[in-house]
Amino acid sequence: TDWCSHPADLDVARVRGTKNPDLDAI
C-alpha cells in the first residue's frame, strides 16, 4: 500500500491505501 513506509527503500508496485486498495492493480 501507499502507507507501507518500511523499509525506506521499498521498491514495489503501490496499490493505494489499506482502506481503499486498487483491486484491479492487485
mmCIF file of all heavy atoms, coordinates in Angstrom:
data_MODEL
# 
_entry.id   MODEL 
# 
loop_
_atom_site.group_PDB 
_atom_site.id 
_atom_site.type_symbol 
_atom_site.label_atom_id 
_atom_site.label_alt_id 
_atom_site.label_comp_id 
_atom_site.label_asym_id 
_atom_site.label_entity_id 
_atom_site.label_seq_id 
_atom_site.pdbx_PDB_ins_code 
_atom_site.Cartn_x 
_atom_site.Cartn_y 
_atom_site.Cartn_z 
_atom_site.occupancy 
_atom_site.B_iso_or_equiv 
_atom_site.pdbx_formal_charge 
_atom_site.auth_seq_id 
_atom_site.auth_comp_id 
_atom_site.auth_asym_id 
_atom_site.auth_atom_id 
_atom_site.pdbx_PDB_model_num 
ATOM 1   N N   . THR A 1 1  ? 0.827   -1.203 0.000   1.00 0.00 ? 1  THR A N   1 
ATOM 2   C CA  . THR A 1 1  ? 0.000   0.000  0.000   1.00 0.00 ? 1  THR A CA  1 
ATOM 3   C C   . THR A 1 1  ? 0.864   1.257  0.000   1.00 0.00 ? 1  THR A C   1 
ATOM 4   O O   . THR A 1 1  ? 2.072   1.211  0.269   1.00 0.00 ? 1  THR A O   1 
ATOM 5   C CB  . THR A 1 1  ? -0.925  0.054  1.229   1.00 0.00 ? 1  THR A CB  1 
ATOM 6   O OG1 . THR A 1 1  ? -0.149  0.384  2.389   1.00 0.00 ? 1  THR A OG1 1 
ATOM 7   C CG2 . THR A 1 1  ? -1.639  -1.265 1.436   1.00 0.00 ? 1  THR A CG2 1 
ATOM 8   N N   . ASP A 1 2  ? 0.221   2.382  -0.249  1.00 0.00 ? 2  ASP A N   1 
ATOM 9   C CA  . ASP A 1 2  ? 0.930   3.662  -0.201  1.00 0.00 ? 2  ASP A CA  1 
ATOM 10  C C   . ASP A 1 2  ? 1.406   3.999  1.199   1.00 0.00 ? 2  ASP A C   1 
ATOM 11  O O   . ASP A 1 2  ? 2.306   4.836  1.371   1.00 0.00 ? 2  ASP A O   1 
ATOM 12  C CB  . ASP A 1 2  ? 0.007   4.793  -0.683  1.00 0.00 ? 2  ASP A CB  1 
ATOM 13  C CG  . ASP A 1 2  ? -0.417  4.630  -2.133  1.00 0.00 ? 2  ASP A CG  1 
ATOM 14  O OD1 . ASP A 1 2  ? 0.187   3.794  -2.841  1.00 0.00 ? 2  ASP A OD1 1 
ATOM 15  O OD2 . ASP A 1 2  ? -1.354  5.326  -2.560  1.00 0.00 ? 2  ASP A OD2 1 
ATOM 16  N N   . TRP A 1 3  ? 0.795   3.383  2.210   1.00 0.00 ? 3  TRP A N   1 
ATOM 17  C CA  . TRP A 1 3  ? 1.163   3.639  3.602   1.00 0.00 ? 3  TRP A CA  1 
ATOM 18  C C   . TRP A 1 3  ? 2.311   2.768  4.086   1.00 0.00 ? 3  TRP A C   1 
ATOM 19  O O   . TRP A 1 3  ? 2.776   2.935  5.217   1.00 0.00 ? 3  TRP A O   1 
ATOM 20  C CB  . TRP A 1 3  ? -0.055  3.415  4.506   1.00 0.00 ? 3  TRP A CB  1 
ATOM 21  C CG  . TRP A 1 3  ? -1.175  4.361  4.243   1.00 0.00 ? 3  TRP A CG  1 
ATOM 22  C CD1 . TRP A 1 3  ? -2.328  4.108  3.548   1.00 0.00 ? 3  TRP A CD1 1 
ATOM 23  C CD2 . TRP A 1 3  ? -1.254  5.729  4.636   1.00 0.00 ? 3  TRP A CD2 1 
ATOM 24  N NE1 . TRP A 1 3  ? -3.127  5.227  3.486   1.00 0.00 ? 3  TRP A NE1 1 
ATOM 25  C CE2 . TRP A 1 3  ? -2.488  6.245  4.147   1.00 0.00 ? 3  TRP A CE2 1 
ATOM 26  C CE3 . TRP A 1 3  ? -0.404  6.579  5.349   1.00 0.00 ? 3  TRP A CE3 1 
ATOM 27  C CZ2 . TRP A 1 3  ? -2.884  7.561  4.356   1.00 0.00 ? 3  TRP A CZ2 1 
ATOM 28  C CZ3 . TRP A 1 3  ? -0.812  7.892  5.557   1.00 0.00 ? 3  TRP A CZ3 1 
ATOM 29  C CH2 . TRP A 1 3  ? -2.034  8.361  5.071   1.00 0.00 ? 3  TRP A CH2 1 
ATOM 30  N N   . CYS A 1 4  ? 2.769   1.849  3.281   1.00 0.00 ? 4  CYS A N   1 
ATOM 31  C CA  . CYS A 1 4  ? 3.853   0.942  3.683   1.00 0.00 ? 4  CYS A CA  1 
ATOM 32  C C   . CYS A 1 4  ? 5.179   1.685  3.562   1.00 0.00 ? 4  CYS A C   1 
ATOM 33  O O   . CYS A 1 4  ? 5.736   1.817  2.469   1.00 0.00 ? 4  CYS A O   1 
ATOM 34  C CB  . CYS A 1 4  ? 3.827   -0.318 2.829   1.00 0.00 ? 4  CYS A CB  1 
ATOM 35  S SG  . CYS A 1 4  ? 2.351   -1.337 3.103   1.00 0.00 ? 4  CYS A SG  1 
ATOM 36  N N   . SER A 1 5  ? 5.677   2.165  4.686   1.00 0.00 ? 5  SER A N   1 
ATOM 37  C CA  . SER A 1 5  ? 6.837   3.064  4.702   1.00 0.00 ? 5  SER A CA  1 
ATOM 38  C C   . SER A 1 5  ? 8.144   2.409  5.094   1.00 0.00 ? 5  SER A C   1 
ATOM 39  O O   . SER A 1 5  ? 9.200   3.057  5.062   1.00 0.00 ? 5  SER A O   1 
ATOM 40  C CB  . SER A 1 5  ? 6.562   4.220  5.668   1.00 0.00 ? 5  SER A CB  1 
ATOM 41  O OG  . SER A 1 5  ? 6.260   3.729  6.975   1.00 0.00 ? 5  SER A OG  1 
ATOM 42  N N   . HIS A 1 6  ? 8.107   1.144  5.471   1.00 0.00 ? 6  HIS A N   1 
ATOM 43  C CA  . HIS A 1 6  ? 9.341   0.447  5.877   1.00 0.00 ? 6  HIS A CA  1 
ATOM 44  C C   . HIS A 1 6  ? 9.448   -0.870 5.118   1.00 0.00 ? 6  HIS A C   1 
ATOM 45  O O   . HIS A 1 6  ? 8.441   -1.565 4.971   1.00 0.00 ? 6  HIS A O   1 
ATOM 46  C CB  . HIS A 1 6  ? 9.335   0.177  7.380   1.00 0.00 ? 6  HIS A CB  1 
ATOM 47  C CG  . HIS A 1 6  ? 9.590   1.402  8.199   1.00 0.00 ? 6  HIS A CG  1 
ATOM 48  N ND1 . HIS A 1 6  ? 8.639   2.383  8.377   1.00 0.00 ? 6  HIS A ND1 1 
ATOM 49  C CD2 . HIS A 1 6  ? 10.684  1.818  8.892   1.00 0.00 ? 6  HIS A CD2 1 
ATOM 50  C CE1 . HIS A 1 6  ? 9.136   3.328  9.148   1.00 0.00 ? 6  HIS A CE1 1 
ATOM 51  N NE2 . HIS A 1 6  ? 10.361  3.010  9.468   1.00 0.00 ? 6  HIS A NE2 1 
ATOM 52  N N   . PRO A 1 7  ? 10.660  -1.187 4.658   1.00 0.00 ? 7  PRO A N   1 
ATOM 53  C CA  . PRO A 1 7  ? 11.885  -0.381 4.736   1.00 0.00 ? 7  PRO A CA  1 
ATOM 54  C C   . PRO A 1 7  ? 11.802  0.859  3.855   1.00 0.00 ? 7  PRO A C   1 
ATOM 55  O O   . PRO A 1 7  ? 10.983  0.928  2.927   1.00 0.00 ? 7  PRO A O   1 
ATOM 56  C CB  . PRO A 1 7  ? 12.967  -1.350 4.250   1.00 0.00 ? 7  PRO A CB  1 
ATOM 57  C CG  . PRO A 1 7  ? 12.243  -2.289 3.343   1.00 0.00 ? 7  PRO A CG  1 
ATOM 58  C CD  . PRO A 1 7  ? 10.884  -2.460 3.948   1.00 0.00 ? 7  PRO A CD  1 
ATOM 59  N N   . ALA A 1 8  ? 12.671  1.824  4.153   1.00 0.00 ? 8  ALA A N   1 
ATOM 60  C CA  . ALA A 1 8  ? 12.609  3.114  3.459   1.00 0.00 ? 8  ALA A CA  1 
ATOM 61  C C   . ALA A 1 8  ? 12.877  2.999  1.967   1.00 0.00 ? 8  ALA A C   1 
ATOM 62  O O   . ALA A 1 8  ? 12.394  3.807  1.177   1.00 0.00 ? 8  ALA A O   1 
ATOM 63  C CB  . ALA A 1 8  ? 13.615  4.076  4.102   1.00 0.00 ? 8  ALA A CB  1 
ATOM 64  N N   . ASP A 1 9  ? 13.638  1.993  1.575   1.00 0.00 ? 9  ASP A N   1 
ATOM 65  C CA  . ASP A 1 9  ? 13.997  1.828  0.157   1.00 0.00 ? 9  ASP A CA  1 
ATOM 66  C C   . ASP A 1 9  ? 13.085  0.826  -0.558  1.00 0.00 ? 9  ASP A C   1 
ATOM 67  O O   . ASP A 1 9  ? 13.442  0.307  -1.617  1.00 0.00 ? 9  ASP A O   1 
ATOM 68  C CB  . ASP A 1 9  ? 15.456  1.392  0.024   1.00 0.00 ? 9  ASP A CB  1 
ATOM 69  C CG  . ASP A 1 9  ? 15.740  0.052  0.702   1.00 0.00 ? 9  ASP A CG  1 
ATOM 70  O OD1 . ASP A 1 9  ? 14.858  -0.456 1.431   1.00 0.00 ? 9  ASP A OD1 1 
ATOM 71  O OD2 . ASP A 1 9  ? 16.855  -0.477 0.506   1.00 0.00 ? 9  ASP A OD2 1 
ATOM 72  N N   . LEU A 1 10 ? 11.919  0.574  -0.011  1.00 0.00 ? 10 LEU A N   1 
ATOM 73  C CA  . LEU A 1 10 ? 10.999  -0.394 -0.605  1.00 0.00 ? 10 LEU A CA  1 
ATOM 74  C C   . LEU A 1 10 ? 10.633  0.014  -2.033  1.00 0.00 ? 10 LEU A C   1 
ATOM 75  O O   . LEU A 1 10 ? 10.145  1.112  -2.270  1.00 0.00 ? 10 LEU A O   1 
ATOM 76  C CB  . LEU A 1 10 ? 9.731   -0.495 0.256   1.00 0.00 ? 10 LEU A CB  1 
ATOM 77  C CG  . LEU A 1 10 ? 8.709   -1.540 -0.170  1.00 0.00 ? 10 LEU A CG  1 
ATOM 78  C CD1 . LEU A 1 10 ? 9.280   -2.942 -0.028  1.00 0.00 ? 10 LEU A CD1 1 
ATOM 79  C CD2 . LEU A 1 10 ? 7.438   -1.404 0.683   1.00 0.00 ? 10 LEU A CD2 1 
ATOM 80  N N   . ASP A 1 11 ? 10.872  -0.878 -2.968  1.00 0.00 ? 11 ASP A N   1 
ATOM 81  C CA  . ASP A 1 11 ? 10.634  -0.586 -4.383  1.00 0.00 ? 11 ASP A CA  1 
ATOM 82  C C   . ASP A 1 11 ? 9.724   -1.657 -4.970  1.00 0.00 ? 11 ASP A C   1 
ATOM 83  O O   . ASP A 1 11 ? 10.185  -2.620 -5.588  1.00 0.00 ? 11 ASP A O   1 
ATOM 84  C CB  . ASP A 1 11 ? 11.970  -0.516 -5.140  1.00 0.00 ? 11 ASP A CB  1 
ATOM 85  C CG  . ASP A 1 11 ? 11.790  -0.132 -6.602  1.00 0.00 ? 11 ASP A CG  1 
ATOM 86  O OD1 . ASP A 1 11 ? 10.724  0.424  -6.935  1.00 0.00 ? 11 ASP A OD1 1 
ATOM 87  O OD2 . ASP A 1 11 ? 12.713  -0.409 -7.395  1.00 0.00 ? 11 ASP A OD2 1 
ATOM 88  N N   . VAL A 1 12 ? 8.425   -1.498 -4.741  1.00 0.00 ? 12 VAL A N   1 
ATOM 89  C CA  . VAL A 1 12 ? 7.432   -2.426 -5.268  1.00 0.00 ? 12 VAL A CA  1 
ATOM 90  C C   . VAL A 1 12 ? 6.250   -1.618 -5.804  1.00 0.00 ? 12 VAL A C   1 
ATOM 91  O O   . VAL A 1 12 ? 6.136   -0.417 -5.560  1.00 0.00 ? 12 VAL A O   1 
ATOM 92  C CB  . VAL A 1 12 ? 6.934   -3.411 -4.182  1.00 0.00 ? 12 VAL A CB  1 
ATOM 93  C CG1 . VAL A 1 12 ? 8.074   -4.272 -3.660  1.00 0.00 ? 12 VAL A CG1 1 
ATOM 94  C CG2 . VAL A 1 12 ? 6.251   -2.655 -3.036  1.00 0.00 ? 12 VAL A CG2 1 
ATOM 95  N N   . ALA A 1 13 ? 5.359   -2.284 -6.519  1.00 0.00 ? 13 ALA A N   1 
ATOM 96  C CA  . ALA A 1 13 ? 4.163   -1.614 -7.024  1.00 0.00 ? 13 ALA A CA  1 
ATOM 97  C C   . ALA A 1 13 ? 3.285   -1.174 -5.852  1.00 0.00 ? 13 ALA A C   1 
ATOM 98  O O   . ALA A 1 13 ? 3.143   -1.894 -4.867  1.00 0.00 ? 13 ALA A O   1 
ATOM 99  C CB  . ALA A 1 13 ? 3.383   -2.563 -7.930  1.00 0.00 ? 13 ALA A CB  1 
ATOM 100 N N   . ARG A 1 14 ? 2.707   0.014  -5.979  1.00 0.00 ? 14 ARG A N   1 
ATOM 101 C CA  . ARG A 1 14 ? 1.828   0.536  -4.923  1.00 0.00 ? 14 ARG A CA  1 
ATOM 102 C C   . ARG A 1 14 ? 0.372   0.362  -5.344  1.00 0.00 ? 14 ARG A C   1 
ATOM 103 O O   . ARG A 1 14 ? 0.019   0.583  -6.505  1.00 0.00 ? 14 ARG A O   1 
ATOM 104 C CB  . ARG A 1 14 ? 2.135   2.010  -4.673  1.00 0.00 ? 14 ARG A CB  1 
ATOM 105 C CG  . ARG A 1 14 ? 3.569   2.251  -4.196  1.00 0.00 ? 14 ARG A CG  1 
ATOM 106 C CD  . ARG A 1 14 ? 3.831   1.656  -2.817  1.00 0.00 ? 14 ARG A CD  1 
ATOM 107 N NE  . ARG A 1 14 ? 5.211   1.864  -2.372  1.00 0.00 ? 14 ARG A NE  1 
ATOM 108 C CZ  . ARG A 1 14 ? 5.597   1.847  -1.101  1.00 0.00 ? 14 ARG A CZ  1 
ATOM 109 N NH1 . ARG A 1 14 ? 4.699   1.619  -0.146  1.00 0.00 ? 14 ARG A NH1 1 
ATOM 110 N NH2 . ARG A 1 14 ? 6.864   2.041  -0.792  1.00 0.00 ? 14 ARG A NH2 1 
ATOM 111 N N   . VAL A 1 15 ? -0.468  -0.031 -4.385  1.00 0.00 ? 15 VAL A N   1 
ATOM 112 C CA  . VAL A 1 15 ? -1.853  -0.382 -4.691  1.00 0.00 ? 15 VAL A CA  1 
ATOM 113 C C   . VAL A 1 15 ? -2.842  0.452  -3.870  1.00 0.00 ? 15 VAL A C   1 
ATOM 114 O O   . VAL A 1 15 ? -3.854  -0.033 -3.419  1.00 0.00 ? 15 VAL A O   1 
ATOM 115 C CB  . VAL A 1 15 ? -2.098  -1.893 -4.479  1.00 0.00 ? 15 VAL A CB  1 
ATOM 116 C CG1 . VAL A 1 15 ? -1.272  -2.719 -5.453  1.00 0.00 ? 15 VAL A CG1 1 
ATOM 117 C CG2 . VAL A 1 15 ? -1.794  -2.313 -3.037  1.00 0.00 ? 15 VAL A CG2 1 
ATOM 118 N N   . ARG A 1 16 ? -2.522  1.735  -3.682  1.00 0.00 ? 16 ARG A N   1 
ATOM 119 C CA  . ARG A 1 16 ? -3.325  2.680  -2.895  1.00 0.00 ? 16 ARG A CA  1 
ATOM 120 C C   . ARG A 1 16 ? -3.295  2.313  -1.412  1.00 0.00 ? 16 ARG A C   1 
ATOM 121 O O   . ARG A 1 16 ? -2.308  1.794  -0.906  1.00 0.00 ? 16 ARG A O   1 
ATOM 122 C CB  . ARG A 1 16 ? -4.751  2.791  -3.436  1.00 0.00 ? 16 ARG A CB  1 
ATOM 123 C CG  . ARG A 1 16 ? -4.868  3.547  -4.727  1.00 0.00 ? 16 ARG A CG  1 
ATOM 124 C CD  . ARG A 1 16 ? -6.230  4.161  -4.968  1.00 0.00 ? 16 ARG A CD  1 
ATOM 125 N NE  . ARG A 1 16 ? -7.350  3.280  -4.792  1.00 0.00 ? 16 ARG A NE  1 
ATOM 126 C CZ  . ARG A 1 16 ? -8.170  2.893  -5.774  1.00 0.00 ? 16 ARG A CZ  1 
ATOM 127 N NH1 . ARG A 1 16 ? -7.948  3.319  -7.016  1.00 0.00 ? 16 ARG A NH1 1 
ATOM 128 N NH2 . ARG A 1 16 ? -9.190  2.092  -5.530  1.00 0.00 ? 16 ARG A NH2 1 
ATOM 129 N N   . GLY A 1 17 ? -4.380  2.650  -0.676  1.00 0.00 ? 17 GLY A N   1 
ATOM 130 C CA  . GLY A 1 17 ? -4.343  2.545  0.772   1.00 0.00 ? 17 GLY A CA  1 
ATOM 131 C C   . GLY A 1 17 ? -4.887  1.258  1.345   1.00 0.00 ? 17 GLY A C   1 
ATOM 132 O O   . GLY A 1 17 ? -5.385  0.384  0.625   1.00 0.00 ? 17 GLY A O   1 
ATOM 133 N N   . THR A 1 18 ? -4.827  1.174  2.668   1.00 0.00 ? 18 THR A N   1 
ATOM 134 C CA  . THR A 1 18 ? -5.324  -0.021 3.351   1.00 0.00 ? 18 THR A CA  1 
ATOM 135 C C   . THR A 1 18 ? -6.848  -0.108 3.285   1.00 0.00 ? 18 THR A C   1 
ATOM 136 O O   . THR A 1 18 ? -7.414  -1.203 3.257   1.00 0.00 ? 18 THR A O   1 
ATOM 137 C CB  . THR A 1 18 ? -4.890  -0.024 4.827   1.00 0.00 ? 18 THR A CB  1 
ATOM 138 O OG1 . THR A 1 18 ? -5.371  1.168  5.464   1.00 0.00 ? 18 THR A OG1 1 
ATOM 139 C CG2 . THR A 1 18 ? -3.372  -0.066 4.944   1.00 0.00 ? 18 THR A CG2 1 
ATOM 140 N N   . LYS A 1 19 ? -7.515  1.053  3.270   1.00 0.00 ? 19 LYS A N   1 
ATOM 141 C CA  . LYS A 1 19 ? -8.980  1.079  3.258   1.00 0.00 ? 19 LYS A CA  1 
ATOM 142 C C   . LYS A 1 19 ? -9.568  1.204  1.851   1.00 0.00 ? 19 LYS A C   1 
ATOM 143 O O   . LYS A 1 19 ? -10.769 1.001  1.677   1.00 0.00 ? 19 LYS A O   1 
ATOM 144 C CB  . LYS A 1 19 ? -9.484  2.260  4.109   1.00 0.00 ? 19 LYS A CB  1 
ATOM 145 C CG  . LYS A 1 19 ? -8.983  2.272  5.542   1.00 0.00 ? 19 LYS A CG  1 
ATOM 146 C CD  . LYS A 1 19 ? -9.448  1.066  6.329   1.00 0.00 ? 19 LYS A CD  1 
ATOM 147 C CE  . LYS A 1 19 ? -9.044  1.195  7.802   1.00 0.00 ? 19 LYS A CE  1 
ATOM 148 N NZ  . LYS A 1 19 ? -9.341  -0.022 8.580   1.00 0.00 ? 19 LYS A NZ  1 
ATOM 149 N N   . ASN A 1 20 ? -8.737  1.564  0.880   1.00 0.00 ? 20 ASN A N   1 
ATOM 150 C CA  . ASN A 1 20 ? -9.245  1.716  -0.498  1.00 0.00 ? 20 ASN A CA  1 
ATOM 151 C C   . ASN A 1 20 ? -8.269  1.135  -1.519  1.00 0.00 ? 20 ASN A C   1 
ATOM 152 O O   . ASN A 1 20 ? -7.847  1.820  -2.445  1.00 0.00 ? 20 ASN A O   1 
ATOM 153 C CB  . ASN A 1 20 ? -9.519  3.190  -0.814  1.00 0.00 ? 20 ASN A CB  1 
ATOM 154 C CG  . ASN A 1 20 ? -8.235  4.020  -0.820  1.00 0.00 ? 20 ASN A CG  1 
ATOM 155 O OD1 . ASN A 1 20 ? -7.247  3.663  -0.182  1.00 0.00 ? 20 ASN A OD1 1 
ATOM 156 N ND2 . ASN A 1 20 ? -8.240  5.114  -1.555  1.00 0.00 ? 20 ASN A ND2 1 
ATOM 157 N N   . PRO A 1 21 ? -7.872  -0.127 -1.346  1.00 0.00 ? 21 PRO A N   1 
ATOM 158 C CA  . PRO A 1 21 ? -6.888  -0.703 -2.266  1.00 0.00 ? 21 PRO A CA  1 
ATOM 159 C C   . PRO A 1 21 ? -7.417  -0.767 -3.698  1.00 0.00 ? 21 PRO A C   1 
ATOM 160 O O   . PRO A 1 21 ? -8.627  -0.918 -3.919  1.00 0.00 ? 21 PRO A O   1 
ATOM 161 C CB  . PRO A 1 21 ? -6.650  -2.107 -1.699  1.00 0.00 ? 21 PRO A CB  1 
ATOM 162 C CG  . PRO A 1 21 ? -7.927  -2.432 -0.973  1.00 0.00 ? 21 PRO A CG  1 
ATOM 163 C CD  . PRO A 1 21 ? -8.381  -1.133 -0.386  1.00 0.00 ? 21 PRO A CD  1 
ATOM 164 N N   . ASP A 1 22 ? -6.509  -0.655 -4.643  1.00 0.00 ? 22 ASP A N   1 
ATOM 165 C CA  . ASP A 1 22 ? -6.852  -0.777 -6.060  1.00 0.00 ? 22 ASP A CA  1 
ATOM 166 C C   . ASP A 1 22 ? -6.911  -2.275 -6.382  1.00 0.00 ? 22 ASP A C   1 
ATOM 167 O O   . ASP A 1 22 ? -5.882  -2.913 -6.637  1.00 0.00 ? 22 ASP A O   1 
ATOM 168 C CB  . ASP A 1 22 ? -5.797  -0.078 -6.906  1.00 0.00 ? 22 ASP A CB  1 
ATOM 169 C CG  . ASP A 1 22 ? -6.153  -0.043 -8.380  1.00 0.00 ? 22 ASP A CG  1 
ATOM 170 O OD1 . ASP A 1 22 ? -6.881  -0.934 -8.838  1.00 0.00 ? 22 ASP A OD1 1 
ATOM 171 O OD2 . ASP A 1 22 ? -5.665  0.865  -9.071  1.00 0.00 ? 22 ASP A OD2 1 
ATOM 172 N N   . LEU A 1 23 ? -8.098  -2.818 -6.362  1.00 0.00 ? 23 LEU A N   1 
ATOM 173 C CA  . LEU A 1 23 ? -8.254  -4.265 -6.518  1.00 0.00 ? 23 LEU A CA  1 
ATOM 174 C C   . LEU A 1 23 ? -7.800  -4.741 -7.893  1.00 0.00 ? 23 LEU A C   1 
ATOM 175 O O   . LEU A 1 23 ? -7.200  -5.821 -8.018  1.00 0.00 ? 23 LEU A O   1 
ATOM 176 C CB  . LEU A 1 23 ? -9.709  -4.670 -6.269  1.00 0.00 ? 23 LEU A CB  1 
ATOM 177 C CG  . LEU A 1 23 ? -10.287 -4.279 -4.907  1.00 0.00 ? 23 LEU A CG  1 
ATOM 178 C CD1 . LEU A 1 23 ? -11.684 -4.856 -4.747  1.00 0.00 ? 23 LEU A CD1 1 
ATOM 179 C CD2 . LEU A 1 23 ? -9.387  -4.737 -3.769  1.00 0.00 ? 23 LEU A CD2 1 
ATOM 180 N N   . ASP A 1 24 ? -8.046  -3.963 -8.934  1.00 0.00 ? 24 ASP A N   1 
ATOM 181 C CA  . ASP A 1 24 ? -7.602  -4.359 -10.269 1.00 0.00 ? 24 ASP A CA  1 
ATOM 182 C C   . ASP A 1 24 ? -6.079  -4.373 -10.353 1.00 0.00 ? 24 ASP A C   1 
ATOM 183 O O   . ASP A 1 24 ? -5.496  -5.260 -10.980 1.00 0.00 ? 24 ASP A O   1 
ATOM 184 C CB  . ASP A 1 24 ? -8.177  -3.410 -11.322 1.00 0.00 ? 24 ASP A CB  1 
ATOM 185 C CG  . ASP A 1 24 ? -9.666  -3.628 -11.543 1.00 0.00 ? 24 ASP A CG  1 
ATOM 186 O OD1 . ASP A 1 24 ? -10.140 -4.751 -11.283 1.00 0.00 ? 24 ASP A OD1 1 
ATOM 187 O OD2 . ASP A 1 24 ? -10.354 -2.681 -11.958 1.00 0.00 ? 24 ASP A OD2 1 
ATOM 188 N N   . ALA A 1 25 ? -5.434  -3.389 -9.715  1.00 0.00 ? 25 ALA A N   1 
ATOM 189 C CA  . ALA A 1 25 ? -3.971  -3.354 -9.710  1.00 0.00 ? 25 ALA A CA  1 
ATOM 190 C C   . ALA A 1 25 ? -3.408  -4.572 -8.991  1.00 0.00 ? 25 ALA A C   1 
ATOM 191 O O   . ALA A 1 25 ? -2.395  -5.146 -9.414  1.00 0.00 ? 25 ALA A O   1 
ATOM 192 C CB  . ALA A 1 25 ? -3.485  -2.065 -9.060  1.00 0.00 ? 25 ALA A CB  1 
ATOM 193 N N   . ILE A 1 26 ? -4.060  -4.966 -7.903  1.00 0.00 ? 26 ILE A N   1 
ATOM 194 C CA  . ILE A 1 26 ? -3.617  -6.157 -7.172  1.00 0.00 ? 26 ILE A CA  1 
ATOM 195 C C   . ILE A 1 26 ? -3.744  -7.393 -8.052  1.00 0.00 ? 26 ILE A C   1 
ATOM 196 O O   . ILE A 1 26 ? -2.821  -8.213 -8.133  1.00 0.00 ? 26 ILE A O   1 
ATOM 197 C CB  . ILE A 1 26 ? -4.431  -6.319 -5.878  1.00 0.00 ? 26 ILE A CB  1 
ATOM 198 C CG1 . ILE A 1 26 ? -4.133  -5.169 -4.912  1.00 0.00 ? 26 ILE A CG1 1 
ATOM 199 C CG2 . ILE A 1 26 ? -4.124  -7.673 -5.216  1.00 0.00 ? 26 ILE A CG2 1 
ATOM 200 C CD1 . ILE A 1 26 ? -5.060  -5.124 -3.711  1.00 0.00 ? 26 ILE A CD1 1 
# 
